[in-house]
Structures are given as structure tokens and as C-alpha cells.
Amino acid sequence: MTDKSNHITRRTFLWRLSALAPALGLVTFGERFVGGLNLAEAAAPTAAATIAPTALACIASPSMTEGPYFVDEMLKRVDIRTDPTDNSVKPGVPLRLTIKVYSVNGSTCAPLKNAQIDIWHCDAAGSYSDESANNTQGKKFLRGYQVTDDSGSVTFTTIYPGWYRGRTVHIHVKVRTFAADGTSNYAFNSQLFFDDALNDSVQAQAPYNTNGKRDTTNLTDMVYTGQDATGDDVGSLMLLTLTKDADGFVSNVNMGVDLSTPSVESNGGPGGGPPPNGGPGEPPPGSGAGRPSFSTPPATAVSQ
């Protein structure tokens, strides 16, 4: 058994860094540094603040399984709640998600512009669109992509995800870059997670509560508990911080990709078994153990 008594994880280091931040002249948001993500917690109007990229280590975000249910619908849009096949809108707690993507090169990072960012996740009942296992063939809800601007940023409007058997609450993210002829020349897959106390609170509300009690939490999820080289659960490095916003939430997240590493267009596998309503499971092998966490300049504080 490995002796970890003197082992300082990246999470521990970042917590210590946050305690030293005032003396070092650094900026924290909500006094929280979390593993691979520096996220905005704005309880009151806060002016935007930045840290030069060299102030924090720039390391690639953890790669995680794409899962078996990515569908390249090629839907470029901000609001992914609507199904364009019938203009219906998926109900749920609103979530505005801003993702900033950085290109990691050694110890430096820079915004990655003109990258295609896809996100997809299940609805409040635990179903993905356009999946025969969910009887949703041809539907296109809760899927979409955007292209990063000069700051490496995209923003989506969606809902807080539901759950399905064998998985905790999560959102899939795919980063792709393309050659001049339109062919993909780099792809990276990861997942975003939510605090379990908040998961329980949201899932107890309508329309989520029609799906019953969750059978999997973050700490029992096969993807979340994959470990990086430092021994941290990769899920904890991609754990979102949410800010209350009207009747929903706002979250800003930074991700880093190392374009010199092998491209992984798809690293999914067989499903882990359908949930009660027929949704997909996902595979555990190698989920998230391939890359360490990522620290970038902090996300911009959100004014309420």
C-alpha cells in the first residue's frame, strides 16, 4: 500500500494557495480554488478580475470518457433547451454555462480561439435525445455547439441535468479544432460535475422528482472517482461552482487542452446498463486517468 502521509495533492496545494493569496497579492473568487478549476462565486456585484497566465500553473484538464451517446448533430446554438424538430423546450432549472478554453504549451497557456465546443447531457427524466435506448430517435434537445471567440470563451443556456442509473449528475464536453479543409485535427473529451448536496436539492424538485431517488452519487460514480497522477479524483477537478441567478444558476469554468498530445476523437465504450427509463450507462475503463488537472487565469466574476 502506498504511504500518502506526506503526499500533498494538487487540491491540498491549491487550498493552501488560497489561504496565502491575500499576502501574495493573488485574487480568489468566493475564497475557493478547486483542483483543476478556478470558478466565480459572486454573491454580490463584483468587478471583473484577472490573473496573468504566468501566476498559476497551466496544466491540461483531465480527459474523461466521451461515453457511448455522443451524436454529432452539428447544431450551432446558444440555447440548447429547445428541440428544433418540434420547438418544444425541455423543462428544468435554468443553467447558464460559460466555458473558457486555453491552449496549454509547457508552463504557459493562451485562449484557444476558433475551437468548436460541444456539450450534451440528459434531461430532467434522465433521457438523452436522438437515442434509440431512450426512444428519442430524431430528437435534438440538450445538444449543441459553439465556436470560441478571441478570449477562448463560449456560453450556453441549458438546464441542470437529471440523472440515470449508474451515473451521477454530469455534462459532457468535447473540444475540437479543424483544419482549413474542415476536417477535425484535434479532439478532447471531458465531463463537468455538480456538488452532491445541490444535486439532491434539485433532483427533489419538479420535474426531476418524477425520476425517483438517485442510485449513484459523485463518490460512487465510476467516472468521477477515476484518479489522476496525484491521487485526486478527476471528478473533483471538474466540479462546477454555481452562482444563484434569478430562478436558476450561472457557472463559469476554465478548461485547458494540450494540442501536442494525441487527439482522442472518441474514447467511449459499451454502455453500463440502462436506467429505469431506458437511458444509457457509461464505461469505467480508463475514465479520466490520462491527464492531470488544470489551473488557468480565474473565470470572470458574474455580477448579479
Protein backbone atom coordinates (compact mmCIF):
# COMPACT_ATOMS: atom_id res chain seq x y z
CA MET A 1 0.00 0.00 0.00
CA THR A 2 1.30 3.43 -0.89
CA ASP A 3 2.08 5.69 2.05
CA LYS A 4 0.32 9.01 1.44
CA SER A 5 1.07 10.52 4.84
CA ASN A 6 3.48 13.03 3.33
CA HIS A 7 1.72 13.27 -0.01
CA ILE A 8 0.33 16.73 -0.83
CA THR A 9 -2.32 16.55 -3.53
CA ARG A 10 -2.93 19.31 -6.03
CA ARG A 11 -6.23 20.01 -4.26
CA THR A 12 -4.41 20.45 -0.92
CA PHE A 13 -1.84 22.71 -2.53
CA LEU A 14 -4.49 24.93 -4.07
CA TRP A 15 -6.36 25.23 -0.80
CA ARG A 16 -3.11 26.34 0.85
CA LEU A 17 -2.51 28.75 -2.00
CA SER A 18 -5.94 30.30 -1.45
CA ALA A 19 -5.08 30.89 2.20
CA LEU A 20 -1.87 32.66 1.17
CA ALA A 21 -3.49 34.61 -1.66
CA PRO A 22 -4.03 37.90 0.22
CA ALA A 23 -0.38 38.02 1.30
CA LEU A 24 0.77 37.17 -2.22
CA GLY A 25 -1.50 39.71 -3.85
CA LEU A 26 -3.45 36.99 -5.69
CA VAL A 27 -7.18 37.08 -6.37
CA THR A 28 -9.62 34.36 -5.32
CA PHE A 29 -13.33 34.09 -6.01
CA GLY A 30 -15.52 33.14 -3.07
CA GLU A 31 -12.21 32.16 -1.40
CA ARG A 32 -12.23 28.95 -3.37
CA PHE A 33 -9.64 27.27 -5.55
CA VAL A 34 -10.85 23.86 -6.68
CA GLY A 35 -8.45 21.39 -8.23
CA GLY A 36 -8.44 21.98 -11.96
CA LEU A 37 -10.93 24.84 -11.95
CA ASN A 38 -10.98 28.38 -10.66
CA LEU A 39 -14.61 29.42 -10.61
CA ALA A 40 -16.53 32.60 -9.88
CA GLU A 41 -18.72 32.69 -6.77
CA ALA A 42 -20.32 36.12 -6.87
CA ALA A 43 -22.74 36.72 -4.03
CA ALA A 44 -22.76 40.45 -4.81
CA PRO A 45 -21.78 42.60 -7.81
CA THR A 46 -18.04 42.17 -8.34
CA ALA A 47 -15.76 43.88 -10.83
CA ALA A 48 -14.02 41.57 -13.27
CA ALA A 49 -10.60 40.49 -12.06
CA THR A 50 -7.81 38.64 -13.81
CA ILE A 51 -4.51 36.97 -13.04
CA ALA A 52 -1.74 36.83 -15.61
CA PRO A 53 -1.38 33.29 -17.03
CA THR A 54 2.10 33.01 -15.52
CA ALA A 55 0.72 33.48 -12.00
CA LEU A 56 -0.75 29.97 -11.97
CA ALA A 57 0.43 26.69 -13.45
CA CYS A 58 -1.18 25.87 -16.82
CA ILE A 59 -1.81 22.13 -16.94
CA ALA A 60 -4.23 20.19 -19.12
CA SER A 61 -7.67 19.31 -17.75
CA PRO A 62 -8.37 15.62 -17.09
CA SER A 63 -9.54 13.65 -20.09
CA MET A 64 -12.66 11.58 -19.46
CA THR A 65 -14.74 9.15 -21.46
CA GLU A 66 -16.88 10.58 -24.23
CA GLY A 67 -19.46 7.94 -23.38
CA PRO A 68 -21.47 5.94 -25.89
CA TYR A 69 -24.11 8.57 -26.66
CA PHE A 70 -22.42 11.48 -28.39
CA VAL A 71 -24.27 12.42 -31.58
CA ASP A 72 -22.69 14.98 -33.90
CA GLU A 73 -25.90 16.88 -34.65
CA MET A 74 -23.97 19.99 -35.82
CA LEU A 75 -26.37 22.33 -34.04
CA LYS A 76 -24.63 25.69 -33.58
CA ARG A 77 -26.66 27.49 -30.91
CA VAL A 78 -26.54 29.17 -27.52
CA ASP A 79 -29.81 27.83 -26.07
CA ILE A 80 -29.80 24.03 -26.25
CA ARG A 81 -33.06 23.55 -24.34
CA THR A 82 -35.18 23.69 -27.50
CA ASP A 83 -35.76 20.71 -29.75
CA PRO A 84 -35.65 22.15 -33.30
CA THR A 85 -37.72 19.26 -34.62
CA ASP A 86 -40.87 20.47 -32.85
CA ASN A 87 -39.79 23.69 -31.00
CA SER A 88 -40.56 22.11 -27.62
CA VAL A 89 -38.48 23.35 -24.67
CA LYS A 90 -37.11 20.96 -22.08
CA PRO A 91 -38.25 21.92 -18.56
CA GLY A 92 -35.81 22.22 -15.69
CA VAL A 93 -33.79 24.62 -13.56
CA PRO A 94 -32.09 27.11 -15.93
CA LEU A 95 -28.29 26.97 -16.13
CA ARG A 96 -26.07 29.48 -17.95
CA LEU A 97 -22.69 27.85 -18.51
CA THR A 98 -19.64 29.77 -19.74
CA ILE A 99 -16.63 27.69 -20.76
CA LYS A 100 -13.23 29.27 -21.38
CA VAL A 101 -10.75 27.04 -23.19
CA TYR A 102 -7.00 27.55 -23.00
CA SER A 103 -4.24 26.02 -25.10
CA VAL A 104 -1.52 24.65 -22.82
CA ASN A 105 2.07 24.83 -24.06
CA GLY A 106 4.60 23.84 -21.46
CA SER A 107 4.14 26.15 -18.47
CA THR A 108 2.15 28.78 -20.36
CA CYS A 109 -1.41 28.98 -21.58
CA ALA A 110 -3.33 31.18 -24.01
CA PRO A 111 -7.00 31.41 -25.01
CA LEU A 112 -7.87 28.85 -27.68
CA LYS A 113 -9.96 30.67 -30.28
CA ASN A 114 -11.97 29.16 -33.15
CA ALA A 115 -12.34 25.83 -31.35
CA GLN A 116 -15.66 24.00 -31.54
CA ILE A 117 -17.13 23.22 -28.11
CA ASP A 118 -19.93 20.65 -27.96
CA ILE A 119 -21.93 19.95 -24.83
CA TRP A 120 -24.65 17.35 -24.29
CA HIS A 121 -26.46 15.87 -21.32
CA CYS A 122 -29.66 14.13 -20.26
CA ASP A 123 -32.96 15.85 -19.47
CA ALA A 124 -34.70 16.02 -16.07
CA ALA A 125 -36.05 12.49 -16.58
CA GLY A 126 -32.60 11.04 -17.40
CA SER A 127 -33.01 10.71 -21.19
CA TYR A 128 -30.65 11.78 -23.97
CA SER A 129 -32.01 12.97 -27.30
CA ASP A 130 -31.64 11.04 -30.56
CA GLU A 131 -31.07 7.69 -28.83
CA SER A 132 -32.97 4.51 -29.54
CA ALA A 133 -32.35 3.34 -25.95
CA ASN A 134 -34.39 6.34 -24.79
CA ASN A 135 -36.98 6.17 -27.58
CA THR A 136 -35.88 9.67 -28.62
CA GLN A 137 -34.71 8.97 -32.18
CA GLY A 138 -34.66 12.13 -34.27
CA LYS A 139 -34.99 14.47 -31.27
CA LYS A 140 -32.24 17.05 -30.73
CA PHE A 141 -32.77 18.56 -27.27
CA LEU A 142 -29.90 19.38 -24.92
CA ARG A 143 -27.21 19.12 -27.59
CA GLY A 144 -25.31 21.88 -29.34
CA TYR A 145 -22.01 23.54 -30.08
CA GLN A 146 -20.41 26.95 -30.31
CA VAL A 147 -17.08 28.28 -31.56
CA THR A 148 -14.78 30.02 -29.11
CA ASP A 149 -14.16 33.75 -29.51
CA ASP A 150 -10.80 35.55 -29.19
CA SER A 151 -10.88 35.00 -25.41
CA GLY A 152 -11.47 31.26 -25.86
CA SER A 153 -14.99 31.61 -24.48
CA VAL A 154 -18.43 30.19 -25.25
CA THR A 155 -21.69 30.44 -23.29
CA PHE A 156 -24.60 28.01 -23.35
CA THR A 157 -28.10 28.24 -21.91
CA THR A 158 -29.35 24.86 -20.76
CA ILE A 159 -30.94 23.20 -17.71
CA TYR A 160 -29.49 21.48 -14.67
CA PRO A 161 -29.13 17.85 -15.80
CA GLY A 162 -31.11 14.96 -14.42
CA TRP A 163 -29.67 11.53 -13.60
CA TYR A 164 -29.83 7.96 -14.86
CA ARG A 165 -28.85 4.60 -13.42
CA GLY A 166 -25.17 4.11 -12.77
CA ARG A 167 -24.12 7.75 -13.24
CA THR A 168 -24.03 10.87 -11.12
CA VAL A 169 -25.26 14.21 -12.50
CA HIS A 170 -22.90 15.44 -15.23
CA ILE A 171 -22.43 17.33 -18.51
CA HIS A 172 -20.29 16.09 -21.38
CA VAL A 173 -17.85 18.46 -23.11
CA LYS A 174 -15.95 17.94 -26.36
CA VAL A 175 -13.30 20.35 -27.68
CA ARG A 176 -12.35 20.11 -31.37
CA THR A 177 -10.17 22.08 -33.73
CA PHE A 178 -10.40 21.86 -37.51
CA ALA A 179 -8.04 22.12 -40.45
CA ALA A 180 -8.64 24.51 -43.35
CA ASP A 181 -10.43 21.76 -45.30
CA GLY A 182 -12.92 21.29 -42.46
CA THR A 183 -11.55 18.01 -41.12
CA SER A 184 -11.09 17.63 -37.37
CA ASN A 185 -7.40 17.67 -36.43
CA TYR A 186 -7.73 17.56 -32.63
CA ALA A 187 -10.39 16.36 -30.20
CA PHE A 188 -10.57 16.26 -26.41
CA ASN A 189 -13.34 14.88 -24.17
CA SER A 190 -14.17 15.59 -20.54
CA GLN A 191 -17.12 15.92 -18.15
CA LEU A 192 -18.39 18.53 -15.68
CA PHE A 193 -19.90 17.66 -12.29
CA PHE A 194 -22.04 19.26 -9.60
CA ASP A 195 -21.94 19.33 -5.79
CA ASP A 196 -23.94 16.39 -4.43
CA ALA A 197 -25.84 18.43 -1.84
CA LEU A 198 -27.09 20.66 -4.64
CA ASN A 199 -27.81 17.60 -6.78
CA ASP A 200 -30.08 16.24 -4.05
CA SER A 201 -31.86 19.57 -3.69
CA VAL A 202 -32.50 19.99 -7.41
CA GLN A 203 -33.49 16.37 -8.03
CA ALA A 204 -36.13 16.65 -5.29
CA GLN A 205 -37.92 19.38 -7.28
CA ALA A 206 -40.31 19.03 -10.21
CA PRO A 207 -39.82 17.92 -12.94
CA TYR A 208 -36.77 15.98 -11.68
CA ASN A 209 -38.59 14.21 -8.84
CA THR A 210 -40.59 12.03 -11.24
CA ASN A 211 -37.35 10.09 -11.86
CA GLY A 212 -37.11 8.79 -8.27
CA LYS A 213 -34.12 8.73 -5.91
CA ARG A 214 -30.64 8.73 -7.41
CA ASP A 215 -28.73 5.44 -7.19
CA THR A 216 -25.28 6.97 -7.81
CA THR A 217 -23.52 9.90 -6.15
CA ASN A 218 -20.25 11.58 -7.07
CA LEU A 219 -18.29 9.34 -4.72
CA THR A 220 -19.79 6.17 -6.20
CA ASP A 221 -19.62 7.28 -9.84
CA MET A 222 -17.19 5.29 -11.99
CA VAL A 223 -16.03 8.35 -13.95
CA TYR A 224 -15.89 10.89 -11.13
CA THR A 225 -13.73 8.60 -8.97
CA GLY A 226 -11.10 7.95 -11.64
CA GLN A 227 -7.77 9.21 -10.27
CA ASP A 228 -5.10 11.42 -11.75
CA ALA A 229 -1.36 11.10 -11.19
CA THR A 230 -1.56 12.94 -7.85
CA GLY A 231 -4.27 10.69 -6.41
CA ASP A 232 -7.11 13.20 -6.78
CA ASP A 233 -10.49 12.07 -8.09
CA VAL A 234 -10.68 13.57 -11.58
CA GLY A 235 -14.32 14.46 -10.98
CA SER A 236 -13.39 16.75 -8.11
CA LEU A 237 -11.10 18.63 -10.51
CA MET A 238 -14.06 19.32 -12.81
CA LEU A 239 -16.58 20.18 -10.10
CA LEU A 240 -18.59 23.26 -11.01
CA THR A 241 -19.31 26.12 -8.65
CA LEU A 242 -22.74 27.64 -9.23
CA THR A 243 -23.98 31.15 -8.53
CA LYS A 244 -27.70 31.67 -7.95
CA ASP A 245 -29.21 33.74 -10.75
CA ALA A 246 -32.93 34.57 -10.73
CA ASP A 247 -34.69 31.19 -10.93
CA GLY A 248 -31.58 29.27 -11.98
CA PHE A 249 -27.79 29.16 -11.83
CA VAL A 250 -24.70 30.58 -13.54
CA SER A 251 -21.33 28.86 -13.75
CA ASN A 252 -18.00 29.84 -15.31
CA VAL A 253 -15.38 27.17 -15.91
CA ASN A 254 -11.88 27.13 -17.38
CA MET A 255 -10.52 24.14 -19.32
CA GLY A 256 -7.05 23.50 -20.67
CA VAL A 257 -6.09 21.36 -23.65
CA ASP A 258 -2.61 20.36 -24.74
CA LEU A 259 -2.71 20.29 -28.52
CA SER A 260 0.59 18.38 -28.63
CA THR A 261 -0.98 15.30 -27.02
CA PRO A 262 -2.70 12.60 -29.08
CA SER A 263 -6.16 13.56 -30.27
CA VAL A 264 -8.99 11.43 -28.87
CA GLU A 265 -11.98 11.77 -31.17
CA SER A 266 -13.89 9.19 -29.16
CA ASN A 267 -12.82 7.21 -26.08
CA GLY A 268 -16.21 5.87 -25.12
CA GLY A 269 -17.22 2.23 -24.90
CA PRO A 270 -20.16 -0.04 -24.20
CA GLY A 271 -22.94 1.29 -22.03
CA GLY A 272 -23.13 0.44 -18.34
CA GLY A 273 -26.77 -0.62 -18.47
CA PRO A 274 -30.00 1.30 -18.95
CA PRO A 275 -31.61 3.29 -16.16
CA PRO A 276 -35.25 2.75 -15.16
CA ASN A 277 -36.46 4.92 -18.06
CA GLY A 278 -34.18 3.29 -20.62
CA GLY A 279 -31.27 5.77 -20.64
CA PRO A 280 -27.61 4.89 -21.13
CA GLY A 281 -24.91 3.95 -18.71
CA GLU A 282 -21.24 4.60 -19.38
CA PRO A 283 -17.97 2.69 -19.17
CA PRO A 284 -15.46 2.91 -16.34
CA PRO A 285 -12.22 1.77 -18.04
CA GLY A 286 -9.60 4.50 -18.04
CA SER A 287 -12.12 7.21 -17.39
CA GLY A 288 -10.21 10.31 -16.54
CA ALA A 289 -6.85 8.89 -15.51
CA GLY A 290 -4.97 10.18 -18.52
CA ARG A 291 -4.34 13.82 -17.61
CA PRO A 292 -3.67 15.95 -14.57
CA SER A 293 -5.69 18.95 -13.51
CA PHE A 294 -5.60 22.44 -14.99
CA SER A 295 -5.13 25.84 -13.43
CA THR A 296 -5.72 28.91 -15.58
CA PRO A 297 -6.45 32.56 -15.02
CA PRO A 298 -9.67 32.67 -12.97
CA ALA A 299 -13.08 32.90 -14.54
CA THR A 300 -14.64 36.35 -14.66
CA ALA A 301 -16.81 37.15 -11.68
CA VAL A 302 -20.51 37.25 -12.50
CA SER A 303 -22.37 40.36 -11.43
CA GLN A 304 -25.85 39.78 -10.08
